[in-house]
Amino acid sequence: MSSFPSSPTITEIEFLKKRSREFLEEYEDALRGGRYSLAVFFLEQALQLYLKARLLEEGASYPRTHNIRALIRLLARVKDDNKLLELLDKYSLELSTLEDAYITVRCFFKEFSRNDAIKLKSIVEKVLEIV
């Protein structure tokens, strides 16, 4: 984040949201192309960046992490939002799988199926609806 000022600006927030949307578009392209593992990776990136943008919008900074569950917990605390915590509780395993995709897709032999990608997209959509 060194290219942005030390305090969040609308520019940084909009950049993160734009990049999040671009990763969701890449998800769709990868899904159509049968590149399911990359589709899951793109979902993780999209959600991670969107959560960071929302934290900035709420006046909070975000940690340098790709841990989606930690970002959701932080956002829930900042917003005092129990719905986010309930969502986290309900989909903890799926969100953990999404977090793992950040590393496993890039560095290890881990393949996701079309069904995996579609199911994880539905979880991402549920999180995006609430945040």
Protein backbone atom coordinates (compact mmCIF):
# COMPACT_ATOMS: atom_id res chain seq x y z
CA MET A 1 0.00 0.00 0.00
CA SER A 2 3.01 2.25 -0.20
CA SER A 3 1.62 4.05 -3.25
CA PHE A 4 -1.23 5.53 -1.21
CA PRO A 5 -1.12 8.23 1.46
CA SER A 6 -0.91 7.08 5.07
CA SER A 7 -4.55 8.01 5.71
CA PRO A 8 -7.21 6.37 3.55
CA THR A 9 -8.65 8.40 0.74
CA ILE A 10 -11.61 7.90 -1.52
CA THR A 11 -9.07 7.08 -4.20
CA GLU A 12 -7.73 4.11 -2.24
CA ILE A 13 -11.23 2.89 -1.41
CA GLU A 14 -12.36 3.17 -5.02
CA PHE A 15 -9.17 1.47 -6.22
CA LEU A 16 -9.78 -1.51 -3.91
CA LYS A 17 -13.42 -1.77 -4.97
CA LYS A 18 -12.52 -1.51 -8.65
CA ARG A 19 -9.87 -4.18 -8.34
CA SER A 20 -12.36 -6.35 -6.43
CA ARG A 21 -14.85 -6.04 -9.31
CA GLU A 22 -12.09 -6.88 -11.79
CA PHE A 23 -11.26 -10.06 -9.87
CA LEU A 24 -14.95 -11.03 -9.94
CA GLU A 25 -14.87 -10.57 -13.73
CA GLU A 26 -11.75 -12.73 -13.89
CA TYR A 27 -13.61 -15.36 -11.84
CA GLU A 28 -16.34 -15.49 -14.50
CA ASP A 29 -13.78 -15.79 -17.31
CA ALA A 30 -11.86 -18.52 -15.51
CA LEU A 31 -15.06 -20.43 -14.73
CA ARG A 32 -16.16 -20.30 -18.36
CA GLY A 33 -12.68 -21.41 -19.42
CA GLY A 34 -12.61 -24.39 -17.08
CA ARG A 35 -9.83 -22.88 -14.95
CA TYR A 36 -11.61 -23.60 -11.68
CA SER A 37 -8.64 -23.26 -9.34
CA LEU A 38 -7.88 -19.81 -10.72
CA ALA A 39 -11.56 -18.95 -10.42
CA VAL A 40 -11.40 -19.71 -6.69
CA PHE A 41 -8.19 -17.70 -6.34
CA PHE A 42 -9.90 -14.72 -8.01
CA LEU A 43 -12.83 -15.05 -5.60
CA GLU A 44 -10.47 -14.87 -2.64
CA GLN A 45 -8.80 -11.77 -4.06
CA ALA A 46 -12.13 -10.09 -4.81
CA LEU A 47 -13.49 -10.65 -1.31
CA GLN A 48 -10.26 -9.73 0.42
CA LEU A 49 -9.99 -6.39 -1.38
CA TYR A 50 -13.64 -5.55 -0.90
CA LEU A 51 -13.41 -6.20 2.84
CA LYS A 52 -10.38 -3.93 3.04
CA ALA A 53 -12.26 -1.19 1.18
CA ARG A 54 -15.19 -1.51 3.57
CA LEU A 55 -12.87 -1.24 6.57
CA LEU A 56 -11.47 1.99 5.15
CA GLU A 57 -14.99 3.29 4.55
CA GLU A 58 -15.77 2.63 8.20
CA GLY A 59 -12.74 4.69 9.22
CA ALA A 60 -10.59 1.73 10.22
CA SER A 61 -7.28 0.59 8.83
CA TYR A 62 -6.74 -3.00 7.81
CA PRO A 63 -3.92 -5.40 8.60
CA ARG A 64 -1.60 -6.63 5.88
CA THR A 65 -3.18 -10.05 5.65
CA HIS A 66 -5.08 -12.27 3.26
CA ASN A 67 -7.00 -13.81 6.17
CA ILE A 68 -10.60 -13.23 5.17
CA ARG A 69 -12.02 -14.45 8.46
CA ALA A 70 -9.81 -12.00 10.39
CA LEU A 71 -10.94 -9.17 8.10
CA ILE A 72 -14.60 -10.11 8.63
CA ARG A 73 -14.09 -10.26 12.41
CA LEU A 74 -12.44 -6.84 12.34
CA LEU A 75 -15.21 -5.36 10.20
CA ALA A 76 -17.85 -6.89 12.49
CA ARG A 77 -16.14 -5.28 15.48
CA VAL A 78 -15.83 -1.90 13.76
CA LYS A 79 -19.46 -1.94 12.64
CA ASP A 80 -20.71 -3.67 15.80
CA ASP A 81 -22.46 -6.10 13.45
CA ASN A 82 -23.51 -9.49 14.79
CA LYS A 83 -24.80 -10.55 11.36
CA LEU A 84 -21.23 -10.66 10.11
CA LEU A 85 -20.19 -12.81 13.06
CA GLU A 86 -23.12 -15.16 12.44
CA LEU A 87 -22.13 -15.42 8.79
CA LEU A 88 -18.56 -16.11 9.80
CA ASP A 89 -19.73 -18.84 12.15
CA LYS A 90 -22.00 -20.43 9.55
CA TYR A 91 -19.44 -20.43 6.71
CA SER A 92 -16.16 -20.70 8.57
CA LEU A 93 -15.07 -23.85 6.74
CA GLU A 94 -15.83 -22.43 3.30
CA LEU A 95 -14.10 -19.14 4.11
CA SER A 96 -11.09 -21.08 5.38
CA THR A 97 -11.00 -22.97 2.07
CA LEU A 98 -11.11 -19.66 0.24
CA GLU A 99 -8.20 -18.37 2.34
CA ASP A 100 -6.19 -21.50 1.60
CA ALA A 101 -6.69 -20.93 -2.12
CA TYR A 102 -4.57 -17.80 -1.86
CA ILE A 103 -1.48 -19.96 -1.32
CA THR A 104 -2.38 -23.44 -2.54
CA VAL A 105 -3.45 -22.40 -6.03
CA ARG A 106 -0.22 -20.51 -6.58
CA CYS A 107 2.32 -22.70 -4.81
CA PHE A 108 1.02 -26.24 -4.40
CA PHE A 109 -0.71 -28.92 -6.39
CA LYS A 110 -4.27 -28.14 -5.39
CA GLU A 111 -7.16 -28.34 -7.81
CA PHE A 112 -10.67 -27.05 -7.31
CA SER A 113 -13.68 -28.35 -9.22
CA ARG A 114 -16.36 -26.37 -11.01
CA ASN A 115 -18.73 -27.25 -8.18
CA ASP A 116 -16.21 -25.93 -5.61
CA ALA A 117 -15.89 -22.65 -7.50
CA ILE A 118 -19.65 -22.20 -7.81
CA LYS A 119 -20.31 -23.06 -4.16
CA LEU A 120 -17.60 -20.69 -2.95
CA LYS A 121 -18.99 -17.93 -5.20
CA SER A 122 -22.35 -18.25 -3.46
CA ILE A 123 -20.64 -17.79 -0.08
CA VAL A 124 -18.75 -14.74 -1.35
CA GLU A 125 -22.03 -13.26 -2.61
CA LYS A 126 -23.62 -13.78 0.83
CA VAL A 127 -20.73 -11.98 2.52
CA LEU A 128 -20.85 -9.13 0.00
CA GLU A 129 -24.59 -8.70 0.62
CA ILE A 130 -24.06 -8.20 4.33
CA VAL A 131 -20.92 -6.06 4.36
